[in-house]
Amino acid sequence: MTTNQKKIKFYKKKRFKIILIIIGDENLKQTLKTYFNEWAFKHPTPNSIIRCAEKVSDLELEWYLVDFAQTTNTIDYGVKSIEDKTVTLERIGLMPMPIDLTVTYTDGSTEDFYIPLQMMRGEKPTKATQIKDWAWAYPTYTFTTKKSVKNVQIDPKELMADINKENNSK
């Protein structure tokens, strides 16, 4: 495999991991099946996969196509502060993303949270505690938990193409 082939393989893999973050595992599987059934032996465009994902997930994904494929915007989120039960996150890069995060409490227990984007007009199916969506216009997002927080980890499965993972936990 040539270097260019490896780069293309990595790029495609990362692109689908990012879609997975946005629409969820089951929706991604169904999207790929739908895409194949609708576009096998035809001539799809980059819009084709996004439209299939929108149909399956019932989410608005135009923002993803524009930001990921047509700009140089980067993904960079960080944990800005933790004060007892209050957590503040910040969006440093210009590409918006829904956020999966894990909170570790001072008693040692953990809880997964999901923060959808307002522009998605919905949310992926998840077992995580869903909290209010993050409006794109605001660079910071604050939420309160029921217990004192010890640590926060953004993107614990490392699926997001975050350019600075060092600020993803505190």
Protein backbone atom coordinates (compact mmCIF):
# COMPACT_ATOMS: atom_id res chain seq x y z
CA MET A 1 0.00 0.00 0.00
CA THR A 2 1.44 3.37 -0.99
CA THR A 3 1.66 6.35 1.34
CA ASN A 4 -1.16 8.10 -0.54
CA GLN A 5 -3.40 5.03 -0.23
CA LYS A 6 -2.70 4.93 3.52
CA LYS A 7 -3.57 8.62 3.83
CA ILE A 8 -6.85 8.12 1.94
CA LYS A 9 -7.72 5.08 4.08
CA PHE A 10 -7.01 7.05 7.28
CA TYR A 11 -9.01 10.06 6.05
CA LYS A 12 -12.04 7.93 5.16
CA LYS A 13 -11.85 6.04 8.46
CA LYS A 14 -11.67 9.27 10.50
CA ARG A 15 -14.55 10.78 8.50
CA PHE A 16 -16.80 7.84 9.43
CA LYS A 17 -15.70 7.98 13.05
CA ILE A 18 -16.78 11.61 13.13
CA ILE A 19 -20.15 10.77 11.57
CA LEU A 20 -20.46 8.03 14.23
CA ILE A 21 -20.06 10.66 16.96
CA ILE A 22 -22.81 12.74 15.39
CA ILE A 23 -25.48 10.17 14.48
CA GLY A 24 -24.62 7.17 16.68
CA ASP A 25 -23.53 3.59 15.98
CA GLU A 26 -26.85 2.06 14.90
CA ASN A 27 -27.72 5.02 12.69
CA LEU A 28 -24.29 4.81 11.02
CA LYS A 29 -24.76 1.10 10.26
CA GLN A 30 -28.21 1.78 8.79
CA THR A 31 -26.88 4.77 6.84
CA LEU A 32 -24.19 2.65 5.17
CA LYS A 33 -26.77 0.00 4.23
CA THR A 34 -29.15 2.63 2.87
CA TYR A 35 -26.32 4.35 0.98
CA PHE A 36 -25.26 1.09 -0.66
CA ASN A 37 -28.84 0.17 -1.59
CA GLU A 38 -29.56 3.60 -3.08
CA TRP A 39 -26.21 4.28 -4.75
CA ALA A 40 -24.73 0.92 -5.81
CA PHE A 41 -23.49 1.16 -9.41
CA LYS A 42 -24.50 4.84 -9.63
CA HIS A 43 -22.57 8.11 -9.35
CA PRO A 44 -22.91 9.53 -5.82
CA THR A 45 -21.60 12.93 -4.73
CA PRO A 46 -20.35 13.91 -1.25
CA ASN A 47 -23.91 15.09 -0.58
CA SER A 48 -25.27 11.58 -1.19
CA ILE A 49 -23.89 10.01 2.01
CA ILE A 50 -24.94 13.02 4.08
CA ARG A 51 -28.49 12.91 2.70
CA CYS A 52 -28.71 9.17 3.52
CA ALA A 53 -27.46 9.90 7.06
CA GLU A 54 -30.07 12.66 7.43
CA LYS A 55 -32.87 10.33 6.31
CA VAL A 56 -31.82 7.58 8.70
CA SER A 57 -30.98 9.72 11.74
CA ASP A 58 -33.57 12.48 11.27
CA LEU A 59 -30.82 15.02 12.04
CA GLU A 60 -29.72 18.14 10.15
CA LEU A 61 -26.19 17.47 8.83
CA GLU A 62 -25.58 20.21 6.24
CA TRP A 63 -23.33 22.01 8.74
CA TYR A 64 -21.11 18.91 8.93
CA LEU A 65 -20.69 18.69 5.17
CA VAL A 66 -19.82 22.38 4.92
CA ASP A 67 -17.45 22.53 7.91
CA PHE A 68 -15.68 19.21 7.40
CA ALA A 69 -15.36 19.15 3.63
CA GLN A 70 -15.42 22.78 2.52
CA THR A 71 -13.46 24.73 5.14
CA THR A 72 -10.19 24.54 7.00
CA ASN A 73 -12.03 24.75 10.33
CA THR A 74 -10.58 22.51 13.02
CA ILE A 75 -12.08 20.63 15.95
CA ASP A 76 -10.70 21.66 19.33
CA TYR A 77 -12.65 21.48 22.56
CA GLY A 78 -11.27 21.81 26.06
CA VAL A 79 -12.25 21.64 29.71
CA LYS A 80 -12.00 25.25 30.85
CA SER A 81 -12.82 24.83 34.53
CA ILE A 82 -14.27 22.56 37.20
CA GLU A 83 -15.68 24.18 40.33
CA ASP A 84 -17.30 21.63 42.67
CA LYS A 85 -20.45 20.60 40.71
CA THR A 86 -20.04 23.11 37.85
CA VAL A 87 -18.15 22.26 34.65
CA THR A 88 -17.29 24.76 31.91
CA LEU A 89 -16.19 23.58 28.47
CA GLU A 90 -14.81 25.74 25.67
CA ARG A 91 -14.82 25.48 21.90
CA ILE A 92 -11.41 26.63 20.69
CA GLY A 93 -11.52 25.39 17.09
CA LEU A 94 -14.10 26.72 14.64
CA MET A 95 -15.77 23.41 13.73
CA PRO A 96 -18.82 22.65 15.86
CA MET A 97 -19.35 19.11 17.16
CA PRO A 98 -21.72 17.38 19.56
CA ILE A 99 -19.79 16.35 22.67
CA ASP A 100 -19.53 13.02 24.46
CA LEU A 101 -17.81 13.26 27.83
CA THR A 102 -17.24 11.29 31.00
CA VAL A 103 -17.37 12.87 34.43
CA THR A 104 -15.59 11.22 37.35
CA TYR A 105 -17.03 12.29 40.69
CA THR A 106 -15.08 12.74 43.91
CA ASP A 107 -16.75 9.58 45.29
CA GLY A 108 -15.14 7.55 42.45
CA SER A 109 -18.31 6.98 40.40
CA THR A 110 -18.54 8.04 36.75
CA GLU A 111 -21.29 9.35 34.49
CA ASP A 112 -21.36 9.77 30.72
CA PHE A 113 -22.92 12.93 29.27
CA TYR A 114 -23.96 13.88 25.75
CA ILE A 115 -24.27 17.49 24.56
CA PRO A 116 -25.95 17.77 21.13
CA LEU A 117 -25.51 20.77 18.87
CA GLN A 118 -28.51 23.05 18.50
CA MET A 119 -27.97 23.16 14.70
CA MET A 120 -28.51 19.36 14.48
CA ARG A 121 -32.18 19.89 15.38
CA GLY A 122 -32.16 16.61 17.30
CA GLU A 123 -29.81 14.16 18.94
CA LYS A 124 -28.34 10.71 18.41
CA PRO A 125 -29.67 7.74 20.40
CA THR A 126 -27.48 7.34 23.49
CA LYS A 127 -27.45 5.82 26.96
CA ALA A 128 -25.51 8.82 28.27
CA THR A 129 -27.20 11.55 30.27
CA GLN A 130 -28.28 14.10 27.69
CA ILE A 131 -28.01 17.72 28.69
CA LYS A 132 -29.11 20.94 26.99
CA ASP A 133 -27.77 21.43 23.46
CA TRP A 134 -24.83 23.74 22.80
CA ALA A 135 -25.69 26.75 20.64
CA TRP A 136 -22.94 27.40 18.08
CA ALA A 137 -22.79 31.14 18.83
CA TYR A 138 -21.44 30.53 22.35
CA PRO A 139 -17.76 29.56 22.69
CA THR A 140 -18.26 28.24 26.24
CA TYR A 141 -20.78 25.84 27.72
CA THR A 142 -21.48 25.38 31.43
CA PHE A 143 -23.46 22.63 33.12
CA THR A 144 -24.04 21.48 36.68
CA THR A 145 -23.90 17.92 37.99
CA LYS A 146 -25.59 16.36 41.03
CA LYS A 147 -22.28 15.54 42.76
CA SER A 148 -18.85 17.11 43.18
CA VAL A 149 -16.65 16.60 40.13
CA LYS A 150 -13.08 15.27 40.29
CA ASN A 151 -12.30 14.94 36.56
CA VAL A 152 -13.87 15.52 33.13
CA GLN A 153 -12.79 13.75 29.92
CA ILE A 154 -14.08 15.07 26.56
CA ASP A 155 -14.32 12.40 23.83
CA PRO A 156 -13.25 9.47 26.04
CA LYS A 157 -13.29 7.03 23.07
CA GLU A 158 -11.07 9.42 21.06
CA LEU A 159 -13.29 9.35 17.98
CA MET A 160 -13.23 13.10 17.36
CA ALA A 161 -10.49 14.64 15.19
CA ASP A 162 -9.60 17.06 17.98
CA ILE A 163 -6.33 18.82 17.12
CA ASN A 164 -5.31 19.27 20.79
CA LYS A 165 -6.28 16.33 22.98
CA GLU A 166 -4.19 17.68 25.88
CA ASN A 167 -6.96 20.10 26.89
CA ASN A 168 -9.70 17.43 26.69
CA SER A 169 -9.44 16.57 30.38
CA LYS A 170 -8.95 18.30 33.66
